[in-house]
PDB file of N, CA and C in Angstrom:
ATOM      1  N   UNK A   1      -3.729 -10.000 -32.911  1.00  0.00           N
ATOM      2  CA  UNK A   1      -4.615  -9.843 -32.033  1.00  0.00           C
ATOM      3  C   UNK A   1      -4.083  -8.599 -30.742  1.00  0.00           C
ATOM      4  N   UNK A   2      -5.083  -7.616 -30.728  1.00  0.00           N
ATOM      5  CA  UNK A   2      -5.022  -6.571 -29.660  1.00  0.00           C
ATOM      6  C   UNK A   2      -5.757  -7.440 -28.205  1.00  0.00           C
ATOM      7  N   UNK A   3      -5.487  -5.748 -27.390  1.00  0.00           N
ATOM      8  CA  UNK A   3      -5.908  -6.770 -25.987  1.00  0.00           C
ATOM      9  C   UNK A   3      -7.295  -6.464 -26.245  1.00  0.00           C
ATOM     10  N   UNK A   4      -8.861  -6.565 -25.462  1.00  0.00           N
ATOM     11  CA  UNK A   4      -9.803  -6.369 -25.234  1.00  0.00           C
ATOM     12  C   UNK A   4      -9.483  -4.462 -24.857  1.00  0.00           C
ATOM     13  N   UNK A   5     -10.528  -3.650 -25.141  1.00  0.00           N
ATOM     14  CA  UNK A   5     -11.119  -2.710 -24.789  1.00  0.00           C
ATOM     15  C   UNK A   5     -12.161  -2.414 -23.325  1.00  0.00           C
ATOM     16  N   UNK A   6     -11.463  -1.586 -22.946  1.00  0.00           N
ATOM     17  CA  UNK A   6     -12.550  -1.527 -20.989  1.00  0.00           C
ATOM     18  C   UNK A   6     -12.926  -0.625 -21.628  1.00  0.00           C
ATOM     19  N   UNK A   7     -13.758  -0.452 -21.413  1.00  0.00           N
ATOM     20  CA  UNK A   7     -15.209   1.298 -20.688  1.00  0.00           C
ATOM     21  C   UNK A   7     -15.048   1.457 -19.262  1.00  0.00           C
ATOM     22  N   UNK A   8     -14.181   2.394 -18.616  1.00  0.00           N
ATOM     23  CA  UNK A   8     -14.883   2.563 -17.404  1.00  0.00           C
ATOM     24  C   UNK A   8     -15.327   3.531 -16.771  1.00  0.00           C
ATOM     25  N   UNK A   9     -16.325   3.411 -15.556  1.00  0.00           N
ATOM     26  CA  UNK A   9     -17.788   4.833 -16.241  1.00  0.00           C
ATOM     27  C   UNK A   9     -17.148   5.066 -14.389  1.00  0.00           C
ATOM     28  N   UNK A  10     -15.454   4.649 -13.881  1.00  0.00           N
ATOM     29  CA  UNK A  10     -15.538   5.653 -12.438  1.00  0.00           C
ATOM     30  C   UNK A  10     -14.087   5.692 -12.387  1.00  0.00           C
ATOM     31  N   UNK A  11     -12.279   6.352 -11.492  1.00  0.00           N
ATOM     32  CA  UNK A  11     -12.080   5.920 -11.463  1.00  0.00           C
ATOM     33  C   UNK A  11     -11.791   4.862 -10.081  1.00  0.00           C
ATOM     34  N   UNK A  12     -10.722   4.238  -9.913  1.00  0.00           N
ATOM     35  CA  UNK A  12     -10.731   3.130  -9.147  1.00  0.00           C
ATOM     36  C   UNK A  12      -9.035   3.543  -9.228  1.00  0.00           C
ATOM     37  N   UNK A  13      -7.907   3.929  -8.110  1.00  0.00           N
ATOM     38  CA  UNK A  13      -7.196   4.575  -7.875  1.00  0.00           C
ATOM     39  C   UNK A  13      -6.056   3.622  -7.353  1.00  0.00           C
ATOM     40  N   UNK A  14      -6.802   3.167  -6.102  1.00  0.00           N
ATOM     41  CA  UNK A  14      -5.809   1.260  -6.044  1.00  0.00           C
ATOM     42  C   UNK A  14      -4.657   2.314  -5.346  1.00  0.00           C
ATOM     43  N   UNK A  15      -5.277   3.374  -4.771  1.00  0.00           N
ATOM     44  CA  UNK A  15      -4.068   4.606  -4.038  1.00  0.00           C
ATOM     45  C   UNK A  15      -2.751   4.450  -4.816  1.00  0.00           C
ATOM     46  N   UNK A  16      -3.017   4.175  -6.032  1.00  0.00           N
ATOM     47  CA  UNK A  16      -1.468   4.651  -7.284  1.00  0.00           C
ATOM     48  C   UNK A  16      -1.289   5.794  -7.749  1.00  0.00           C
ATOM     49  N   UNK A  17      -2.698   7.147  -7.258  1.00  0.00           N
ATOM     50  CA  UNK A  17      -2.582   8.120  -8.159  1.00  0.00           C
ATOM     51  C   UNK A  17      -0.981   9.279  -7.626  1.00  0.00           C
ATOM     52  N   UNK A  18      -0.599   8.984  -8.392  1.00  0.00           N
ATOM     53  CA  UNK A  18       0.009  10.734  -8.377  1.00  0.00           C
ATOM     54  C   UNK A  18      -0.344  11.365  -8.656  1.00  0.00           C
ATOM     55  N   UNK A  19       0.497  12.663  -7.648  1.00  0.00           N
ATOM     56  CA  UNK A  19      -0.484  14.008  -7.202  1.00  0.00           C
ATOM     57  C   UNK A  19       0.511  14.387  -8.727  1.00  0.00           C
ATOM     58  N   UNK A  20      -0.043  15.753  -9.539  1.00  0.00           N
ATOM     59  CA  UNK A  20       0.812  16.555 -10.452  1.00  0.00           C
ATOM     60  C   UNK A  20       0.414  18.448  -9.807  1.00  0.00           C
ATOM     61  N   UNK A  21      -0.240  18.645  -9.865  1.00  0.00           N
ATOM     62  CA  UNK A  21      -0.651  19.626  -8.839  1.00  0.00           C
ATOM     63  C   UNK A  21      -1.598  19.691  -7.454  1.00  0.00           C
ATOM     64  N   UNK A  22      -2.041  20.531  -7.383  1.00  0.00           N
ATOM     65  CA  UNK A  22      -2.949  20.537  -6.169  1.00  0.00           C
ATOM     66  C   UNK A  22      -4.035  19.432  -5.507  1.00  0.00           C
ATOM     67  N   UNK A  23      -4.863  19.766  -7.265  1.00  0.00           N
ATOM     68  CA  UNK A  23      -6.326  18.890  -7.700  1.00  0.00           C
ATOM     69  C   UNK A  23      -6.248  18.626  -8.772  1.00  0.00           C
ATOM     70  N   UNK A  24      -4.749  18.546  -8.942  1.00  0.00           N
ATOM     71  CA  UNK A  24      -4.743  17.063 -11.030  1.00  0.00           C
ATOM     72  C   UNK A  24      -3.647  15.613 -10.042  1.00  0.00           C
ATOM     73  N   UNK A  25      -4.712  14.501 -10.920  1.00  0.00           N
ATOM     74  CA  UNK A  25      -2.860  13.764 -10.381  1.00  0.00           C
ATOM     75  C   UNK A  25      -3.246  12.950 -10.972  1.00  0.00           C
ATOM     76  N   UNK A  26      -2.441  11.863 -11.786  1.00  0.00           N
ATOM     77  CA  UNK A  26      -1.944  11.423 -12.447  1.00  0.00           C
ATOM     78  C   UNK A  26      -2.525   9.216 -12.578  1.00  0.00           C
ATOM     79  N   UNK A  27      -2.539   8.566 -12.884  1.00  0.00           N
ATOM     80  CA  UNK A  27      -3.217   7.099 -12.651  1.00  0.00           C
ATOM     81  C   UNK A  27      -2.714   6.891 -13.586  1.00  0.00           C
ATOM     82  N   UNK A  28      -1.907   5.517 -14.032  1.00  0.00           N
ATOM     83  CA  UNK A  28      -1.021   4.652 -15.085  1.00  0.00           C
ATOM     84  C   UNK A  28      -2.324   3.722 -14.250  1.00  0.00           C
ATOM     85  N   UNK A  29      -2.779   2.571 -15.826  1.00  0.00           N
ATOM     86  CA  UNK A  29      -4.089   1.326 -15.531  1.00  0.00           C
ATOM     87  C   UNK A  29      -3.691   0.928 -16.518  1.00  0.00           C
ATOM     88  N   UNK A  30      -3.165  -0.645 -16.118  1.00  0.00           N
ATOM     89  CA  UNK A  30      -3.055  -1.944 -16.293  1.00  0.00           C
ATOM     90  C   UNK A  30      -4.205  -2.090 -17.981  1.00  0.00           C
ATOM     91  N   UNK A  31      -3.422  -2.374 -19.491  1.00  0.00           N
ATOM     92  CA  UNK A  31      -4.174  -2.302 -20.401  1.00  0.00           C
ATOM     93  C   UNK A  31      -5.236  -1.034 -21.220  1.00  0.00           C
ATOM     94  N   UNK A  32      -5.760  -1.878 -22.376  1.00  0.00           N
ATOM     95  CA  UNK A  32      -6.127  -0.367 -23.056  1.00  0.00           C
ATOM     96  C   UNK A  32      -7.851   0.141 -22.229  1.00  0.00           C
ATOM     97  N   UNK A  33      -7.986   1.498 -21.695  1.00  0.00           N
ATOM     98  CA  UNK A  33      -9.148   1.224 -21.170  1.00  0.00           C
ATOM     99  C   UNK A  33     -10.032   2.808 -21.258  1.00  0.00           C
ATOM    100  N   UNK A  34     -11.369   2.739 -21.404  1.00  0.00           N
ATOM    101  CA  UNK A  34     -11.272   4.063 -22.161  1.00  0.00           C
ATOM    102  C   UNK A  34     -12.464   5.149 -21.099  1.00  0.00           C
ATOM    103  N   UNK A  35     -12.439   5.898 -20.487  1.00  0.00           N
ATOM    104  CA  UNK A  35     -12.581   7.226 -20.045  1.00  0.00           C
ATOM    105  C   UNK A  35     -14.295   7.781 -20.581  1.00  0.00           C
ATOM    106  N   UNK A  36     -14.833   8.433 -19.338  1.00  0.00           N
ATOM    107  CA  UNK A  36     -16.065   9.663 -20.508  1.00  0.00           C
ATOM    108  C   UNK A  36     -14.516  10.737 -19.965  1.00  0.00           C
ATOM    109  N   UNK A  37     -14.492  11.836 -21.135  1.00  0.00           N
ATOM    110  CA  UNK A  37     -13.389  13.063 -21.069  1.00  0.00           C
ATOM    111  C   UNK A  37     -15.089  14.047 -20.147  1.00  0.00           C
ATOM    112  N   UNK A  38     -14.283  15.104 -19.555  1.00  0.00           N
ATOM    113  CA  UNK A  38     -14.189  16.253 -19.611  1.00  0.00           C
ATOM    114  C   UNK A  38     -16.430  16.371 -18.714  1.00  0.00           C
ATOM    115  N   UNK A  39     -17.102  15.080 -18.239  1.00  0.00           N
ATOM    116  CA  UNK A  39     -17.476  15.054 -16.782  1.00  0.00           C
ATOM    117  C   UNK A  39     -17.321  14.617 -15.682  1.00  0.00           C
ATOM    118  N   UNK A  40     -18.381  14.993 -15.106  1.00  0.00           N
ATOM    119  CA  UNK A  40     -17.976  14.741 -13.430  1.00  0.00           C
ATOM    120  C   UNK A  40     -17.994  13.352 -13.509  1.00  0.00           C
ATOM    121  N   UNK A  41     -17.542  12.365 -13.206  1.00  0.00           N
ATOM    122  CA  UNK A  41     -17.345  10.663 -13.269  1.00  0.00           C
ATOM    123  C   UNK A  41     -16.419  10.633 -11.243  1.00  0.00           C
ATOM    124  N   UNK A  42     -17.167   9.416 -10.996  1.00  0.00           N
ATOM    125  CA  UNK A  42     -16.806   9.111  -9.272  1.00  0.00           C
ATOM    126  C   UNK A  42     -14.886   8.751  -9.471  1.00  0.00           C
ATOM    127  N   UNK A  43     -15.216   8.650  -8.356  1.00  0.00           N
ATOM    128  CA  UNK A  43     -13.094   8.623  -7.750  1.00  0.00           C
ATOM    129  C   UNK A  43     -13.666   7.575  -6.625  1.00  0.00           C
ATOM    130  N   UNK A  44     -13.139   6.441  -6.871  1.00  0.00           N
ATOM    131  CA  UNK A  44     -13.087   5.318  -5.332  1.00  0.00           C
ATOM    132  C   UNK A  44     -11.635   4.903  -5.165  1.00  0.00           C
ATOM    133  N   UNK A  45     -11.104   4.863  -4.188  1.00  0.00           N
ATOM    134  CA  UNK A  45     -10.249   3.143  -3.691  1.00  0.00           C
ATOM    135  C   UNK A  45      -9.584   2.438  -4.600  1.00  0.00           C
ATOM    136  N   UNK A  46     -11.290   1.211  -4.273  1.00  0.00           N
ATOM    137  CA  UNK A  46     -11.766   0.468  -5.223  1.00  0.00           C
ATOM    138  C   UNK A  46     -12.618   0.438  -5.762  1.00  0.00           C
ATOM    139  N   UNK A  47     -13.516  -0.813  -6.377  1.00  0.00           N
ATOM    140  CA  UNK A  47     -14.529  -0.827  -6.794  1.00  0.00           C
ATOM    141  C   UNK A  47     -15.448  -0.794  -5.873  1.00  0.00           C
ATOM    142  N   UNK A  48     -15.768  -1.344  -4.144  1.00  0.00           N
ATOM    143  CA  UNK A  48     -16.412  -1.468  -3.250  1.00  0.00           C
ATOM    144  C   UNK A  48     -16.267  -0.428  -2.463  1.00  0.00           C
ATOM    145  N   UNK A  49     -15.170   0.270  -2.267  1.00  0.00           N
ATOM    146  CA  UNK A  49     -14.953   1.289  -1.590  1.00  0.00           C
ATOM    147  C   UNK A  49     -16.101   2.426  -1.837  1.00  0.00           C
ATOM    148  N   UNK A  50     -17.093   3.333  -0.471  1.00  0.00           N
ATOM    149  CA  UNK A  50     -17.350   4.463  -1.077  1.00  0.00           C
ATOM    150  C   UNK A  50     -16.842   5.774  -1.993  1.00  0.00           C
ATOM    151  N   UNK A  51     -17.318   6.130  -3.295  1.00  0.00           N
ATOM    152  CA  UNK A  51     -16.552   7.512  -3.649  1.00  0.00           C
ATOM    153  C   UNK A  51     -16.232   8.453  -2.783  1.00  0.00           C
ATOM    154  N   UNK A  52     -15.199   8.225  -3.298  1.00  0.00           N
ATOM    155  CA  UNK A  52     -13.964   9.429  -2.823  1.00  0.00           C
ATOM    156  C   UNK A  52     -13.729  10.839  -2.958  1.00  0.00           C
ATOM    157  N   UNK A  53     -14.440  11.302  -3.917  1.00  0.00           N
ATOM    158  CA  UNK A  53     -14.605  12.593  -5.038  1.00  0.00           C
ATOM    159  C   UNK A  53     -14.940  11.910  -5.804  1.00  0.00           C
ATOM    160  N   UNK A  54     -15.173  13.338  -6.847  1.00  0.00           N
ATOM    161  CA  UNK A  54     -16.015  13.310  -8.369  1.00  0.00           C
ATOM    162  C   UNK A  54     -14.394  14.256  -8.709  1.00  0.00           C
ATOM    163  N   UNK A  55     -14.090  13.594 -10.003  1.00  0.00           N
ATOM    164  CA  UNK A  55     -13.095  14.269 -11.071  1.00  0.00           C
ATOM    165  C   UNK A  55     -14.048  14.363 -12.163  1.00  0.00           C
ATOM    166  N   UNK A  56     -13.001  15.336 -12.679  1.00  0.00           N
ATOM    167  CA  UNK A  56     -13.455  15.747 -14.492  1.00  0.00           C
ATOM    168  C   UNK A  56     -11.870  15.036 -15.123  1.00  0.00           C
ATOM    169  N   UNK A  57     -11.728  14.006 -16.021  1.00  0.00           N
ATOM    170  CA  UNK A  57     -10.814  13.930 -16.908  1.00  0.00           C
ATOM    171  C   UNK A  57     -10.482  14.213 -18.083  1.00  0.00           C
ATOM    172  N   UNK A  58      -9.115  15.107 -18.246  1.00  0.00           N
ATOM    173  CA  UNK A  58      -8.600  15.765 -18.500  1.00  0.00           C
ATOM    174  C   UNK A  58      -7.583  15.077 -20.153  1.00  0.00           C
ATOM    175  N   UNK A  59      -7.333  14.473 -19.752  1.00  0.00           N
ATOM    176  CA  UNK A  59      -6.069  13.532 -20.595  1.00  0.00           C
ATOM    177  C   UNK A  59      -6.187  12.153 -20.873  1.00  0.00           C
ATOM    178  N   UNK A  60      -6.674  11.385 -21.751  1.00  0.00           N
ATOM    179  CA  UNK A  60      -6.503   9.500 -21.246  1.00  0.00           C
ATOM    180  C   UNK A  60      -5.170   9.869 -22.749  1.00  0.00           C
ATOM    181  N   UNK A  61      -4.047   8.530 -22.270  1.00  0.00           N
ATOM    182  CA  UNK A  61      -3.269   8.528 -23.167  1.00  0.00           C
ATOM    183  C   UNK A  61      -2.650   6.366 -23.310  1.00  0.00           C
ATOM    184  N   UNK A  62      -2.767   6.177 -24.288  1.00  0.00           N
ATOM    185  CA  UNK A  62      -2.901   4.718 -24.547  1.00  0.00           C
ATOM    186  C   UNK A  62      -1.150   4.076 -24.621  1.00  0.00           C
ATOM    187  N   UNK A  63      -0.559   3.649 -24.555  1.00  0.00           N
ATOM    188  CA  UNK A  63       0.520   3.585 -25.380  1.00  0.00           C
ATOM    189  C   UNK A  63       1.158   2.292 -23.646  1.00  0.00           C
ATOM    190  N   UNK A  64       2.167   1.664 -24.766  1.00  0.00           N
ATOM    191  CA  UNK A  64       2.666  -0.190 -24.218  1.00  0.00           C
ATOM    192  C   UNK A  64       2.091  -0.985 -23.352  1.00  0.00           C
ATOM    193  N   UNK A  65       0.167  -1.134 -24.043  1.00  0.00           N
ATOM    194  CA  UNK A  65      -0.240  -1.355 -23.193  1.00  0.00           C
ATOM    195  C   UNK A  65      -0.675  -1.385 -21.709  1.00  0.00           C
ATOM    196  N   UNK A  66      -0.687  -0.216 -21.627  1.00  0.00           N
ATOM    197  CA  UNK A  66      -1.495   0.704 -20.356  1.00  0.00           C
ATOM    198  C   UNK A  66      -2.043   2.398 -20.624  1.00  0.00           C
ATOM    199  N   UNK A  67      -3.150   2.478 -20.092  1.00  0.00           N
ATOM    200  CA  UNK A  67      -3.527   3.545 -20.202  1.00  0.00           C
ATOM    201  C   UNK A  67      -3.483   4.384 -19.475  1.00  0.00           C
ATOM    202  N   UNK A  68      -2.710   5.836 -19.147  1.00  0.00           N
ATOM    203  CA  UNK A  68      -2.678   6.838 -18.420  1.00  0.00           C
ATOM    204  C   UNK A  68      -3.371   7.741 -18.291  1.00  0.00           C
ATOM    205  N   UNK A  69      -4.378   8.575 -17.628  1.00  0.00           N
ATOM    206  CA  UNK A  69      -4.533   9.602 -17.004  1.00  0.00           C
ATOM    207  C   UNK A  69      -4.294  10.512 -16.393  1.00  0.00           C
ATOM    208  N   UNK A  70      -4.752  11.660 -17.104  1.00  0.00           N
ATOM    209  CA  UNK A  70      -4.279  12.229 -16.239  1.00  0.00           C
ATOM    210  C   UNK A  70      -5.975  13.311 -15.648  1.00  0.00           C
ATOM    211  N   UNK A  71      -6.554  13.733 -13.958  1.00  0.00           N
ATOM    212  CA  UNK A  71      -7.586  14.241 -13.916  1.00  0.00           C
ATOM    213  C   UNK A  71      -7.466  15.380 -13.107  1.00  0.00           C
ATOM    214  N   UNK A  72      -9.036  16.535 -12.771  1.00  0.00           N
ATOM    215  CA  UNK A  72      -8.750  17.185 -11.999  1.00  0.00           C
ATOM    216  C   UNK A  72      -9.388  16.612 -11.037  1.00  0.00           C
ATOM    217  N   UNK A  73      -8.928  16.458  -9.573  1.00  0.00           N
ATOM    218  CA  UNK A  73     -10.286  16.285  -8.378  1.00  0.00           C
ATOM    219  C   UNK A  73     -11.364  17.899  -8.417  1.00  0.00           C
ATOM    220  N   UNK A  74     -12.692  17.416  -8.638  1.00  0.00           N
ATOM    221  CA  UNK A  74     -13.782  19.061  -8.475  1.00  0.00           C
ATOM    222  C   UNK A  74     -14.733  18.622  -6.823  1.00  0.00           C
ATOM    223  N   UNK A  75     -14.260  17.488  -6.307  1.00  0.00           N
ATOM    224  CA  UNK A  75     -15.288  17.436  -4.724  1.00  0.00           C
ATOM    225  C   UNK A  75     -14.655  16.313  -4.728  1.00  0.00           C
ATOM    226  N   UNK A  76     -14.441  16.835  -2.679  1.00  0.00           N
ATOM    227  CA  UNK A  76     -13.822  15.494  -2.184  1.00  0.00           C
ATOM    228  C   UNK A  76     -15.101  15.071  -1.462  1.00  0.00           C
ATOM    229  N   UNK A  77     -14.465  14.566  -0.901  1.00  0.00           N
ATOM    230  CA  UNK A  77     -15.853  13.824   0.266  1.00  0.00           C
ATOM    231  C   UNK A  77     -15.533  13.413   1.319  1.00  0.00           C
ATOM    232  N   UNK A  78     -16.042  14.046   2.170  1.00  0.00           N
ATOM    233  CA  UNK A  78     -15.067  13.675   3.670  1.00  0.00           C
ATOM    234  C   UNK A  78     -14.838  12.132   3.836  1.00  0.00           C
ATOM    235  N   UNK A  79     -14.404  11.785   4.613  1.00  0.00           N
ATOM    236  CA  UNK A  79     -14.043  10.825   5.203  1.00  0.00           C
ATOM    237  C   UNK A  79     -14.465  10.594   6.432  1.00  0.00           C
ATOM    238  N   UNK A  80     -14.943   9.263   6.792  1.00  0.00           N
ATOM    239  CA  UNK A  80     -14.727   9.266   8.497  1.00  0.00           C
ATOM    240  C   UNK A  80     -13.713   8.001   8.765  1.00  0.00           C
TER     241      UNK A  80
END
C-alpha cells in the first residue's frame, strides 16, 4: 500500500526553506506531493498566513516518502 499523493497549489514553507542561491530555495515536505512546475504560485509561511511572494518551482523530487522542491522566488510581498 503506497502513500497517498497530495496535490499542492501553493508552497507552504513553515520556515523550513533553505536558500541555495540569492532567490532559489529548497524545501522538503513529508509525503509525496504534486506541484505545478514552471508556473507562478503563491508562497506562504503557513496555510493561513498572507502570501509572502510568488515563486516558480523548477524541480520536484520524490524520495523516501518525502518531496523535495527547488523553487525560484520571482516576487516578494512586503511584510508589515
